[in-house]
Every structure is written in C-alpha cells, then in structure tokens.
Amino acid sequence: MKRYQKVKQILDEAVQNQDIGAHGAFWRPLSLEAFKTKKVFSRQLVNPGNGAQSNLVLALRGQSPFGSDLGVDGASYPRMPAGGFPRVADDRIAFIEKWIDDGCPDDELLEGG
C-alpha cells in the first residue's frame, strides 16, 4: 500500500466510511496532486514539508483555528471529524503529519508501517 492510500484510509476510517457533513468525504476521488492543492472552506489542506502547521493535522488535533467544540481560543471550526465521530488516534495523526513533513510522497509503506 502506498502512503497516500493509507492517509485516505485513515480519513475514511475516521468517518466510519460514511458520507459526512458540510465538506463531504472530499478526499475519496482526489488524486495525490489534487489533494496537495485542495482547499476546504478556503483553507489550504496541507502544506507539504510542514505537517504540524497543515490544516489537516490542526483539524484532526483540534488546534486553532479548529477546536471550537473543545473551547480552543480563537477556533472557528470544530475538531475533525465533527458530528460525533471519535477522535482520530494520535499515532494515525502522527502518520499523516510525517507524510506531510516528507512532502506528501506517493511511495510505498515500509514493512510494519
């Protein structure tokens, strides 16, 4: 499995493979190149090379501007996934962050990845 495919799998599992809220499961039909340039609610989704400041990671962690449902100062949006889905596990968020840090490559997962 390629890492981008794993990222999409993590996102699908986060919403229990359902069609969801305001932005829908936008990632499902996207090519890697389209994913890297995707904006959701006018916010750039990923910043290749900087996972910690990418909106996808901030949204999953509930860090500003996300986390309005958690009482995060300055947050305008709820933590993702919203709508009563469980929080994404830290190790899965870390996988996505590392993938973004690495420039969002479409390389194969290493054994045990």
PDB file of N, CA and C in Angstrom:
ATOM      1  N   MET A   1       0.849  -1.178   0.000  1.00  0.00           N
ATOM      2  CA  MET A   1       0.000   0.000   0.000  1.00  0.00           C
ATOM      3  C   MET A   1       0.892   1.237   0.000  1.00  0.00           C
ATOM      4  N   LYS A   2       0.477   2.225  -0.762  1.00  0.00           N
ATOM      5  CA  LYS A   2       1.211   3.484  -0.791  1.00  0.00           C
ATOM      6  C   LYS A   2       0.747   4.375   0.366  1.00  0.00           C
ATOM      7  N   ARG A   3       1.642   5.278   0.757  1.00  0.00           N
ATOM      8  CA  ARG A   3       1.326   6.133   1.917  1.00  0.00           C
ATOM      9  C   ARG A   3       0.112   7.024   1.680  1.00  0.00           C
ATOM     10  N   TYR A   4      -0.051   7.552   0.469  1.00  0.00           N
ATOM     11  CA  TYR A   4      -1.228   8.382   0.211  1.00  0.00           C
ATOM     12  C   TYR A   4      -2.508   7.560   0.357  1.00  0.00           C
ATOM     13  N   GLN A   5      -2.475   6.343  -0.106  1.00  0.00           N
ATOM     14  CA  GLN A   5      -3.624   5.457   0.057  1.00  0.00           C
ATOM     15  C   GLN A   5      -3.917   5.235   1.542  1.00  0.00           C
ATOM     16  N   LYS A   6      -2.873   5.094   2.352  1.00  0.00           N
ATOM     17  CA  LYS A   6      -3.037   4.922   3.796  1.00  0.00           C
ATOM     18  C   LYS A   6      -3.655   6.179   4.433  1.00  0.00           C
ATOM     19  N   VAL A   7      -3.239   7.360   3.993  1.00  0.00           N
ATOM     20  CA  VAL A   7      -3.820   8.605   4.505  1.00  0.00           C
ATOM     21  C   VAL A   7      -5.321   8.618   4.220  1.00  0.00           C
ATOM     22  N   LYS A   8      -5.704   8.282   3.003  1.00  0.00           N
ATOM     23  CA  LYS A   8      -7.124   8.248   2.642  1.00  0.00           C
ATOM     24  C   LYS A   8      -7.878   7.196   3.463  1.00  0.00           C
ATOM     25  N   GLN A   9      -7.221   6.072   3.722  1.00  0.00           N
ATOM     26  CA  GLN A   9      -7.831   5.019   4.548  1.00  0.00           C
ATOM     27  C   GLN A   9      -8.067   5.536   5.970  1.00  0.00           C
ATOM     28  N   ILE A  10      -7.101   6.233   6.537  1.00  0.00           N
ATOM     29  CA  ILE A  10      -7.245   6.801   7.884  1.00  0.00           C
ATOM     30  C   ILE A  10      -8.432   7.768   7.913  1.00  0.00           C
ATOM     31  N   LEU A  11      -8.539   8.612   6.901  1.00  0.00           N
ATOM     32  CA  LEU A  11      -9.643   9.568   6.858  1.00  0.00           C
ATOM     33  C   LEU A  11     -10.990   8.855   6.712  1.00  0.00           C
ATOM     34  N   ASP A  12     -11.036   7.829   5.864  1.00  0.00           N
ATOM     35  CA  ASP A  12     -12.274   7.058   5.723  1.00  0.00           C
ATOM     36  C   ASP A  12     -12.662   6.379   7.027  1.00  0.00           C
ATOM     37  N   GLU A  13     -11.696   5.775   7.693  1.00  0.00           N
ATOM     38  CA  GLU A  13     -11.983   5.103   8.964  1.00  0.00           C
ATOM     39  C   GLU A  13     -12.429   6.115  10.023  1.00  0.00           C
ATOM     40  N   ALA A  14     -11.889   7.338   9.957  1.00  0.00           N
ATOM     41  CA  ALA A  14     -12.257   8.375  10.929  1.00  0.00           C
ATOM     42  C   ALA A  14     -13.744   8.717  10.843  1.00  0.00           C
ATOM     43  N   VAL A  15     -14.307   8.624   9.635  1.00  0.00           N
ATOM     44  CA  VAL A  15     -15.733   8.925   9.458  1.00  0.00           C
ATOM     45  C   VAL A  15     -16.542   7.648   9.255  1.00  0.00           C
ATOM     46  N   GLN A  16     -15.935   6.525   9.612  1.00  0.00           N
ATOM     47  CA  GLN A  16     -16.594   5.220   9.547  1.00  0.00           C
ATOM     48  C   GLN A  16     -17.175   4.961   8.160  1.00  0.00           C
ATOM     49  N   ASN A  17     -16.411   5.383   7.122  1.00  0.00           N
ATOM     50  CA  ASN A  17     -16.757   5.185   5.711  1.00  0.00           C
ATOM     51  C   ASN A  17     -18.100   5.796   5.320  1.00  0.00           C
ATOM     52  N   GLN A  18     -18.544   6.785   6.069  1.00  0.00           N
ATOM     53  CA  GLN A  18     -19.828   7.434   5.774  1.00  0.00           C
ATOM     54  C   GLN A  18     -19.611   8.681   4.925  1.00  0.00           C
ATOM     55  N   ASP A  19     -20.695   9.120   4.288  1.00  0.00           N
ATOM     56  CA  ASP A  19     -20.696  10.442   3.668  1.00  0.00           C
ATOM     57  C   ASP A  19     -21.010  11.404   4.806  1.00  0.00           C
ATOM     58  N   ILE A  20     -20.281  12.495   4.865  1.00  0.00           N
ATOM     59  CA  ILE A  20     -20.342  13.345   6.049  1.00  0.00           C
ATOM     60  C   ILE A  20     -20.674  14.785   5.726  1.00  0.00           C
ATOM     61  N   GLY A  21     -20.981  15.536   6.724  1.00  0.00           N
ATOM     62  CA  GLY A  21     -21.273  16.952   6.833  1.00  0.00           C
ATOM     63  C   GLY A  21     -20.978  17.883   5.684  1.00  0.00           C
ATOM     64  N   ALA A  22     -20.631  19.077   6.032  1.00  0.00           N
ATOM     65  CA  ALA A  22     -20.572  20.214   5.122  1.00  0.00           C
ATOM     66  C   ALA A  22     -19.617  20.031   3.940  1.00  0.00           C
ATOM     67  N   HIS A  23     -18.460  19.462   4.152  1.00  0.00           N
ATOM     68  CA  HIS A  23     -17.495  19.330   3.050  1.00  0.00           C
ATOM     69  C   HIS A  23     -17.474  17.940   2.445  1.00  0.00           C
ATOM     70  N   GLY A  24     -18.227  17.012   3.005  1.00  0.00           N
ATOM     71  CA  GLY A  24     -18.250  15.654   2.471  1.00  0.00           C
ATOM     72  C   GLY A  24     -16.905  14.959   2.581  1.00  0.00           C
ATOM     73  N   ALA A  25     -16.838  13.758   2.074  1.00  0.00           N
ATOM     74  CA  ALA A  25     -15.588  12.989   2.074  1.00  0.00           C
ATOM     75  C   ALA A  25     -14.784  13.404   0.837  1.00  0.00           C
ATOM     76  N   PHE A  26     -14.320  14.639   0.844  1.00  0.00           N
ATOM     77  CA  PHE A  26     -13.673  15.264  -0.315  1.00  0.00           C
ATOM     78  C   PHE A  26     -12.470  14.494  -0.824  1.00  0.00           C
ATOM     79  N   TRP A  27     -11.787  13.744   0.050  1.00  0.00           N
ATOM     80  CA  TRP A  27     -10.541  13.077  -0.295  1.00  0.00           C
ATOM     81  C   TRP A  27     -10.738  11.860  -1.186  1.00  0.00           C
ATOM     82  N   ARG A  28     -11.879  11.248  -1.153  1.00  0.00           N
ATOM     83  CA  ARG A  28     -12.094   9.978  -1.858  1.00  0.00           C
ATOM     84  C   ARG A  28     -11.744  10.033  -3.336  1.00  0.00           C
ATOM     85  N   PRO A  29     -12.242  11.014  -4.104  1.00  0.00           N
ATOM     86  CA  PRO A  29     -11.944  10.993  -5.542  1.00  0.00           C
ATOM     87  C   PRO A  29     -10.635  11.679  -5.934  1.00  0.00           C
ATOM     88  N   LEU A  30      -9.928  12.273  -4.975  1.00  0.00           N
ATOM     89  CA  LEU A  30      -8.790  13.120  -5.326  1.00  0.00           C
ATOM     90  C   LEU A  30      -7.529  12.332  -5.644  1.00  0.00           C
ATOM     91  N   SER A  31      -6.875  12.747  -6.730  1.00  0.00           N
ATOM     92  CA  SER A  31      -5.523  12.275  -6.996  1.00  0.00           C
ATOM     93  C   SER A  31      -4.598  12.901  -5.958  1.00  0.00           C
ATOM     94  N   LEU A  32      -3.393  12.404  -5.863  1.00  0.00           N
ATOM     95  CA  LEU A  32      -2.435  12.980  -4.925  1.00  0.00           C
ATOM     96  C   LEU A  32      -2.196  14.454  -5.230  1.00  0.00           C
ATOM     97  N   GLU A  33      -2.005  14.787  -6.487  1.00  0.00           N
ATOM     98  CA  GLU A  33      -1.742  16.186  -6.841  1.00  0.00           C
ATOM     99  C   GLU A  33      -2.919  17.082  -6.480  1.00  0.00           C
ATOM    100  N   ALA A  34      -4.133  16.610  -6.698  1.00  0.00           N
ATOM    101  CA  ALA A  34      -5.317  17.387  -6.332  1.00  0.00           C
ATOM    102  C   ALA A  34      -5.428  17.530  -4.816  1.00  0.00           C
ATOM    103  N   PHE A  35      -5.071  16.479  -4.072  1.00  0.00           N
ATOM    104  CA  PHE A  35      -5.105  16.523  -2.612  1.00  0.00           C
ATOM    105  C   PHE A  35      -4.132  17.576  -2.097  1.00  0.00           C
ATOM    106  N   LYS A  36      -2.942  17.643  -2.679  1.00  0.00           N
ATOM    107  CA  LYS A  36      -1.918  18.586  -2.213  1.00  0.00           C
ATOM    108  C   LYS A  36      -2.306  20.039  -2.454  1.00  0.00           C
ATOM    109  N   THR A  37      -3.196  20.294  -3.388  1.00  0.00           N
ATOM    110  CA  THR A  37      -3.609  21.665  -3.680  1.00  0.00           C
ATOM    111  C   THR A  37      -5.030  21.964  -3.202  1.00  0.00           C
ATOM    112  N   LYS A  38      -5.661  21.007  -2.556  1.00  0.00           N
ATOM    113  CA  LYS A  38      -7.053  21.128  -2.126  1.00  0.00           C
ATOM    114  C   LYS A  38      -7.220  22.194  -1.058  1.00  0.00           C
ATOM    115  N   LYS A  39      -8.294  22.967  -1.194  1.00  0.00           N
ATOM    116  CA  LYS A  39      -8.707  23.907  -0.165  1.00  0.00           C
ATOM    117  C   LYS A  39     -10.076  23.470   0.327  1.00  0.00           C
ATOM    118  N   VAL A  40     -10.268  23.535   1.627  1.00  0.00           N
ATOM    119  CA  VAL A  40     -11.558  23.250   2.244  1.00  0.00           C
ATOM    120  C   VAL A  40     -11.954  24.508   3.005  1.00  0.00           C
ATOM    121  N   PHE A  41     -13.120  25.038   2.683  1.00  0.00           N
ATOM    122  CA  PHE A  41     -13.573  26.311   3.259  1.00  0.00           C
ATOM    123  C   PHE A  41     -12.486  27.380   3.120  1.00  0.00           C
ATOM    124  N   SER A  42     -11.891  27.459   1.931  1.00  0.00           N
ATOM    125  CA  SER A  42     -10.865  28.450   1.570  1.00  0.00           C
ATOM    126  C   SER A  42      -9.555  28.292   2.326  1.00  0.00           C
ATOM    127  N   ARG A  43      -9.358  27.169   3.013  1.00  0.00           N
ATOM    128  CA  ARG A  43      -8.107  26.919   3.753  1.00  0.00           C
ATOM    129  C   ARG A  43      -7.329  25.809   3.056  1.00  0.00           C
ATOM    130  N   GLN A  44      -6.052  26.090   2.778  1.00  0.00           N
ATOM    131  CA  GLN A  44      -5.188  25.086   2.174  1.00  0.00           C
ATOM    132  C   GLN A  44      -5.101  23.885   3.101  1.00  0.00           C
ATOM    133  N   LEU A  45      -5.386  22.700   2.597  1.00  0.00           N
ATOM    134  CA  LEU A  45      -5.467  21.490   3.408  1.00  0.00           C
ATOM    135  C   LEU A  45      -4.107  21.069   3.951  1.00  0.00           C
ATOM    136  N   VAL A  46      -3.118  20.976   3.074  1.00  0.00           N
ATOM    137  CA  VAL A  46      -1.787  20.559   3.508  1.00  0.00           C
ATOM    138  C   VAL A  46      -0.743  21.559   3.044  1.00  0.00           C
ATOM    139  N   ASN A  47       0.323  21.626   3.798  1.00  0.00           N
ATOM    140  CA  ASN A  47       1.480  22.439   3.469  1.00  0.00           C
ATOM    141  C   ASN A  47       2.651  21.460   3.380  1.00  0.00           C
ATOM    142  N   PRO A  48       2.873  20.837   2.199  1.00  0.00           N
ATOM    143  CA  PRO A  48       3.936  19.833   2.103  1.00  0.00           C
ATOM    144  C   PRO A  48       5.251  20.332   2.701  1.00  0.00           C
ATOM    145  N   GLY A  49       5.810  19.513   3.577  1.00  0.00           N
ATOM    146  CA  GLY A  49       7.036  19.870   4.279  1.00  0.00           C
ATOM    147  C   GLY A  49       6.797  20.422   5.664  1.00  0.00           C
ATOM    148  N   ASN A  50       5.536  20.726   5.999  1.00  0.00           N
ATOM    149  CA  ASN A  50       5.231  21.301   7.312  1.00  0.00           C
ATOM    150  C   ASN A  50       3.920  20.718   7.845  1.00  0.00           C
ATOM    151  N   GLY A  51       3.989  19.485   8.285  1.00  0.00           N
ATOM    152  CA  GLY A  51       2.810  18.792   8.778  1.00  0.00           C
ATOM    153  C   GLY A  51       2.170  19.459   9.974  1.00  0.00           C
ATOM    154  N   ALA A  52       2.968  19.931  10.914  1.00  0.00           N
ATOM    155  CA  ALA A  52       2.440  20.494  12.156  1.00  0.00           C
ATOM    156  C   ALA A  52       1.564  21.716  11.912  1.00  0.00           C
ATOM    157  N   GLN A  53       1.828  22.469  10.852  1.00  0.00           N
ATOM    158  CA  GLN A  53       1.047  23.666  10.555  1.00  0.00           C
ATOM    159  C   GLN A  53       0.038  23.449   9.431  1.00  0.00           C
ATOM    160  N   SER A  54      -0.098  22.230   8.955  1.00  0.00           N
ATOM    161  CA  SER A  54      -1.081  21.924   7.914  1.00  0.00           C
ATOM    162  C   SER A  54      -2.476  21.850   8.527  1.00  0.00           C
ATOM    163  N   ASN A  55      -3.435  22.421   7.835  1.00  0.00           N
ATOM    164  CA  ASN A  55      -4.800  22.453   8.359  1.00  0.00           C
ATOM    165  C   ASN A  55      -5.372  21.067   8.601  1.00  0.00           C
ATOM    166  N   LEU A  56      -4.978  20.083   7.817  1.00  0.00           N
ATOM    167  CA  LEU A  56      -5.473  18.729   8.057  1.00  0.00           C
ATOM    168  C   LEU A  56      -5.060  18.243   9.438  1.00  0.00           C
ATOM    169  N   VAL A  57      -3.809  18.423   9.798  1.00  0.00           N
ATOM    170  CA  VAL A  57      -3.303  17.988  11.103  1.00  0.00           C
ATOM    171  C   VAL A  57      -3.925  18.831  12.217  1.00  0.00           C
ATOM    172  N   LEU A  58      -3.984  20.137  12.021  1.00  0.00           N
ATOM    173  CA  LEU A  58      -4.601  21.009  13.025  1.00  0.00           C
ATOM    174  C   LEU A  58      -6.057  20.612  13.266  1.00  0.00           C
ATOM    175  N   ALA A  59      -6.771  20.287  12.189  1.00  0.00           N
ATOM    176  CA  ALA A  59      -8.178  19.899  12.306  1.00  0.00           C
ATOM    177  C   ALA A  59      -8.329  18.600  13.077  1.00  0.00           C
ATOM    178  N   LEU A  60      -7.478  17.632  12.789  1.00  0.00           N
ATOM    179  CA  LEU A  60      -7.565  16.338  13.470  1.00  0.00           C
ATOM    180  C   LEU A  60      -7.176  16.445  14.943  1.00  0.00           C
ATOM    181  N   ARG A  61      -6.247  17.350  15.251  1.00  0.00           N
ATOM    182  CA  ARG A  61      -5.818  17.533  16.647  1.00  0.00           C
ATOM    183  C   ARG A  61      -6.731  18.472  17.430  1.00  0.00           C
ATOM    184  N   GLY A  62      -7.511  19.270  16.722  1.00  0.00           N
ATOM    185  CA  GLY A  62      -8.345  20.256  17.410  1.00  0.00           C
ATOM    186  C   GLY A  62      -7.537  21.443  17.883  1.00  0.00           C
ATOM    187  N   GLN A  63      -6.592  21.885  17.042  1.00  0.00           N
ATOM    188  CA  GLN A  63      -5.774  23.055  17.348  1.00  0.00           C
ATOM    189  C   GLN A  63      -6.245  24.222  16.489  1.00  0.00           C
ATOM    190  N   SER A  64      -6.158  25.429  17.024  1.00  0.00           N
ATOM    191  CA  SER A  64      -6.652  26.625  16.346  1.00  0.00           C
ATOM    192  C   SER A  64      -6.127  26.698  14.907  1.00  0.00           C
ATOM    193  N   PRO A  65      -7.024  26.975  13.968  1.00  0.00           N
ATOM    194  CA  PRO A  65      -8.367  27.525  14.085  1.00  0.00           C
ATOM    195  C   PRO A  65      -9.472  26.468  14.270  1.00  0.00           C
ATOM    196  N   PHE A  66      -9.086  25.256  14.590  1.00  0.00           N
ATOM    197  CA  PHE A  66     -10.039  24.175  14.847  1.00  0.00           C
ATOM    198  C   PHE A  66     -10.130  23.934  16.352  1.00  0.00           C
ATOM    199  N   GLY A  67     -11.229  23.338  16.780  1.00  0.00           N
ATOM    200  CA  GLY A  67     -11.398  23.046  18.190  1.00  0.00           C
ATOM    201  C   GLY A  67     -12.414  23.930  18.875  1.00  0.00           C
ATOM    202  N   SER A  68     -13.285  24.576  18.094  1.00  0.00           N
ATOM    203  CA  SER A  68     -14.313  25.425  18.703  1.00  0.00           C
ATOM    204  C   SER A  68     -15.207  24.614  19.638  1.00  0.00           C
ATOM    205  N   ASP A  69     -15.392  23.341  19.341  1.00  0.00           N
ATOM    206  CA  ASP A  69     -16.206  22.470  20.195  1.00  0.00           C
ATOM    207  C   ASP A  69     -15.469  22.046  21.457  1.00  0.00           C
ATOM    208  N   LEU A  70     -14.163  22.315  21.501  1.00  0.00           N
ATOM    209  CA  LEU A  70     -13.332  21.945  22.645  1.00  0.00           C
ATOM    210  C   LEU A  70     -12.966  23.151  23.500  1.00  0.00           C
ATOM    211  N   GLY A  71     -13.420  24.342  23.079  1.00  0.00           N
ATOM    212  CA  GLY A  71     -13.090  25.557  23.814  1.00  0.00           C
ATOM    213  C   GLY A  71     -11.723  26.123  23.488  1.00  0.00           C
ATOM    214  N   VAL A  72     -11.166  25.771  22.330  1.00  0.00           N
ATOM    215  CA  VAL A  72      -9.853  26.276  21.932  1.00  0.00           C
ATOM    216  C   VAL A  72      -9.971  27.760  21.596  1.00  0.00           C
ATOM    217  N   ASP A  73      -9.128  28.585  22.219  1.00  0.00           N
ATOM    218  CA  ASP A  73      -9.135  30.032  21.975  1.00  0.00           C
ATOM    219  C   ASP A  73      -8.899  30.322  20.496  1.00  0.00           C
ATOM    220  N   GLY A  74      -9.723  31.194  19.941  1.00  0.00           N
ATOM    221  CA  GLY A  74      -9.567  31.621  18.561  1.00  0.00           C
ATOM    222  C   GLY A  74     -10.048  30.623  17.519  1.00  0.00           C
ATOM    223  N   ALA A  75     -10.609  29.514  17.942  1.00  0.00           N
ATOM    224  CA  ALA A  75     -11.053  28.498  16.995  1.00  0.00           C
ATOM    225  C   ALA A  75     -12.366  28.908  16.338  1.00  0.00           C
ATOM    226  N   SER A  76     -12.448  28.692  15.033  1.00  0.00           N
ATOM    227  CA  SER A  76     -13.654  28.995  14.263  1.00  0.00           C
ATOM    228  C   SER A  76     -14.382  27.742  13.802  1.00  0.00           C
ATOM    229  N   TYR A  77     -13.696  26.606  13.864  1.00  0.00           N
ATOM    230  CA  TYR A  77     -14.232  25.344  13.360  1.00  0.00           C
ATOM    231  C   TYR A  77     -14.097  24.269  14.438  1.00  0.00           C
ATOM    232  N   PRO A  78     -14.979  23.271  14.428  1.00  0.00           N
ATOM    233  CA  PRO A  78     -14.821  22.169  15.377  1.00  0.00           C
ATOM    234  C   PRO A  78     -13.649  21.267  14.985  1.00  0.00           C
ATOM    235  N   ARG A  79     -13.194  20.489  15.950  1.00  0.00           N
ATOM    236  CA  ARG A  79     -12.183  19.464  15.647  1.00  0.00           C
ATOM    237  C   ARG A  79     -12.801  18.492  14.647  1.00  0.00           C
ATOM    238  N   MET A  80     -11.982  17.952  13.789  1.00  0.00           N
ATOM    239  CA  MET A  80     -12.438  16.972  12.803  1.00  0.00           C
ATOM    240  C   MET A  80     -12.024  15.572  13.244  1.00  0.00           C
ATOM    241  N   PRO A  81     -12.781  14.575  12.949  1.00  0.00           N
ATOM    242  CA  PRO A  81     -14.073  14.698  12.287  1.00  0.00           C
ATOM    243  C   PRO A  81     -15.143  15.156  13.261  1.00  0.00           C
ATOM    244  N   ALA A  82     -15.986  16.050  12.782  1.00  0.00           N
ATOM    245  CA  ALA A  82     -17.095  16.570  13.584  1.00  0.00           C
ATOM    246  C   ALA A  82     -18.281  15.619  13.476  1.00  0.00           C
ATOM    247  N   GLY A  83     -19.306  15.902  14.222  1.00  0.00           N
ATOM    248  CA  GLY A  83     -20.535  15.129  14.089  1.00  0.00           C
ATOM    249  C   GLY A  83     -20.599  13.878  14.934  1.00  0.00           C
ATOM    250  N   GLY A  84     -19.869  13.854  16.035  1.00  0.00           N
ATOM    251  CA  GLY A  84     -19.968  12.727  16.948  1.00  0.00           C
ATOM    252  C   GLY A  84     -19.043  11.561  16.658  1.00  0.00           C
ATOM    253  N   PHE A  85     -18.187  11.686  15.638  1.00  0.00           N
ATOM    254  CA  PHE A  85     -17.225  10.623  15.371  1.00  0.00           C
ATOM    255  C   PHE A  85     -16.119  10.664  16.424  1.00  0.00           C
ATOM    256  N   PRO A  86     -15.545   9.513  16.761  1.00  0.00           N
ATOM    257  CA  PRO A  86     -14.454   9.519  17.743  1.00  0.00           C
ATOM    258  C   PRO A  86     -13.225  10.243  17.208  1.00  0.00           C
ATOM    259  N   ARG A  87     -12.442  10.721  18.150  1.00  0.00           N
ATOM    260  CA  ARG A  87     -11.184  11.392  17.815  1.00  0.00           C
ATOM    261  C   ARG A  87     -10.251  10.403  17.106  1.00  0.00           C
ATOM    262  N   VAL A  88      -9.505  10.907  16.122  1.00  0.00           N
ATOM    263  CA  VAL A  88      -8.514  10.088  15.428  1.00  0.00           C
ATOM    264  C   VAL A  88      -7.341   9.865  16.380  1.00  0.00           C
ATOM    265  N   ALA A  89      -6.863   8.641  16.444  1.00  0.00           N
ATOM    266  CA  ALA A  89      -5.770   8.275  17.352  1.00  0.00           C
ATOM    267  C   ALA A  89      -4.496   9.060  17.029  1.00  0.00           C
ATOM    268  N   ASP A  90      -3.749   9.386  18.088  1.00  0.00           N
ATOM    269  CA  ASP A  90      -2.513  10.169  17.940  1.00  0.00           C
ATOM    270  C   ASP A  90      -1.526   9.541  16.969  1.00  0.00           C
ATOM    271  N   ASP A  91      -1.380   8.219  16.982  1.00  0.00           N
ATOM    272  CA  ASP A  91      -0.413   7.590  16.080  1.00  0.00           C
ATOM    273  C   ASP A  91      -0.837   7.725  14.618  1.00  0.00           C
ATOM    274  N   ARG A  92      -2.128   7.788  14.363  1.00  0.00           N
ATOM    275  CA  ARG A  92      -2.630   7.956  12.993  1.00  0.00           C
ATOM    276  C   ARG A  92      -2.429   9.404  12.540  1.00  0.00           C
ATOM    277  N   ILE A  93      -2.648  10.339  13.452  1.00  0.00           N
ATOM    278  CA  ILE A  93      -2.388  11.742  13.123  1.00  0.00           C
ATOM    279  C   ILE A  93      -0.887  11.930  12.877  1.00  0.00           C
ATOM    280  N   ALA A  94      -0.057  11.301  13.686  1.00  0.00           N
ATOM    281  CA  ALA A  94       1.399  11.389  13.518  1.00  0.00           C
ATOM    282  C   ALA A  94       1.832  10.819  12.166  1.00  0.00           C
ATOM    283  N   PHE A  95       1.173   9.749  11.711  1.00  0.00           N
ATOM    284  CA  PHE A  95       1.474   9.174  10.395  1.00  0.00           C
ATOM    285  C   PHE A  95       1.205  10.218   9.310  1.00  0.00           C
ATOM    286  N   ILE A  96       0.041  10.870   9.384  1.00  0.00           N
ATOM    287  CA  ILE A  96      -0.303  11.896   8.395  1.00  0.00           C
ATOM    288  C   ILE A  96       0.668  13.064   8.469  1.00  0.00           C
ATOM    289  N   GLU A  97       0.999  13.501   9.685  1.00  0.00           N
ATOM    290  CA  GLU A  97       1.940  14.609   9.849  1.00  0.00           C
ATOM    291  C   GLU A  97       3.296  14.276   9.235  1.00  0.00           C
ATOM    292  N   LYS A  98       3.795  13.091   9.474  1.00  0.00           N
ATOM    293  CA  LYS A  98       5.094  12.667   8.919  1.00  0.00           C
ATOM    294  C   LYS A  98       5.037  12.615   7.401  1.00  0.00           C
ATOM    295  N   TRP A  99       3.933  12.099   6.875  1.00  0.00           N
ATOM    296  CA  TRP A  99       3.761  12.039   5.423  1.00  0.00           C
ATOM    297  C   TRP A  99       3.803  13.451   4.829  1.00  0.00           C
ATOM    298  N   ILE A 100       3.150  14.407   5.479  1.00  0.00           N
ATOM    299  CA  ILE A 100       3.179  15.800   5.013  1.00  0.00           C
ATOM    300  C   ILE A 100       4.584  16.368   5.162  1.00  0.00           C
ATOM    301  N   ASP A 101       5.238  16.116   6.309  1.00  0.00           N
ATOM    302  CA  ASP A 101       6.625  16.563   6.515  1.00  0.00           C
ATOM    303  C   ASP A 101       7.535  16.067   5.397  1.00  0.00           C
ATOM    304  N   ASP A 102       7.280  14.852   4.928  1.00  0.00           N
ATOM    305  CA  ASP A 102       8.094  14.238   3.871  1.00  0.00           C
ATOM    306  C   ASP A 102       7.737  14.758   2.481  1.00  0.00           C
ATOM    307  N   GLY A 103       6.792  15.692   2.399  1.00  0.00           N
ATOM    308  CA  GLY A 103       6.434  16.294   1.121  1.00  0.00           C
ATOM    309  C   GLY A 103       5.257  15.633   0.428  1.00  0.00           C
ATOM    310  N   CYS A 104       4.490  14.824   1.142  1.00  0.00           N
ATOM    311  CA  CYS A 104       3.311  14.127   0.602  1.00  0.00           C
ATOM    312  C   CYS A 104       3.675  13.207  -0.556  1.00  0.00           C
ATOM    313  N   PRO A 105       4.653  12.326  -0.360  1.00  0.00           N
ATOM    314  CA  PRO A 105       5.051  11.439  -1.462  1.00  0.00           C
ATOM    315  C   PRO A 105       4.025  10.321  -1.691  1.00  0.00           C
ATOM    316  N   ASP A 106       4.130   9.702  -2.850  1.00  0.00           N
ATOM    317  CA  ASP A 106       3.260   8.584  -3.178  1.00  0.00           C
ATOM    318  C   ASP A 106       4.096   7.298  -3.172  1.00  0.00           C
ATOM    319  N   ASP A 107       4.915   7.160  -2.147  1.00  0.00           N
ATOM    320  CA  ASP A 107       5.791   5.995  -2.059  1.00  0.00           C
ATOM    321  C   ASP A 107       5.111   4.864  -1.264  1.00  0.00           C
ATOM    322  N   GLU A 108       5.716   3.723  -1.329  1.00  0.00           N
ATOM    323  CA  GLU A 108       5.182   2.540  -0.646  1.00  0.00           C
ATOM    324  C   GLU A 108       5.445   2.630   0.858  1.00  0.00           C
ATOM    325  N   LEU A 109       4.512   2.096   1.619  1.00  0.00           N
ATOM    326  CA  LEU A 109       4.715   1.971   3.059  1.00  0.00           C
ATOM    327  C   LEU A 109       5.848   0.989   3.320  1.00  0.00           C
ATOM    328  N   LEU A 110       6.628   1.255   4.319  1.00  0.00           N
ATOM    329  CA  LEU A 110       7.651   0.296   4.732  1.00  0.00           C
ATOM    330  C   LEU A 110       6.983  -0.802   5.552  1.00  0.00           C
ATOM    331  N   GLU A 111       7.621  -1.949   5.672  1.00  0.00           N
ATOM    332  CA  GLU A 111       7.091  -3.044   6.491  1.00  0.00           C
ATOM    333  C   GLU A 111       6.733  -2.522   7.867  1.00  0.00           C
ATOM    334  N   GLY A 112       5.558  -2.907   8.342  1.00  0.00           N
ATOM    335  CA  GLY A 112       5.118  -2.501   9.669  1.00  0.00           C
ATOM    336  C   GLY A 112       4.560  -1.106   9.715  1.00  0.00           C
ATOM    337  N   GLY A 113       4.510  -0.391   8.547  1.00  0.00           N
ATOM    338  CA  GLY A 113       4.021   0.987   8.516  1.00  0.00           C
ATOM    339  C   GLY A 113       2.579   1.039   8.461  1.00  0.00           C
TER     340      GLY A 113
END
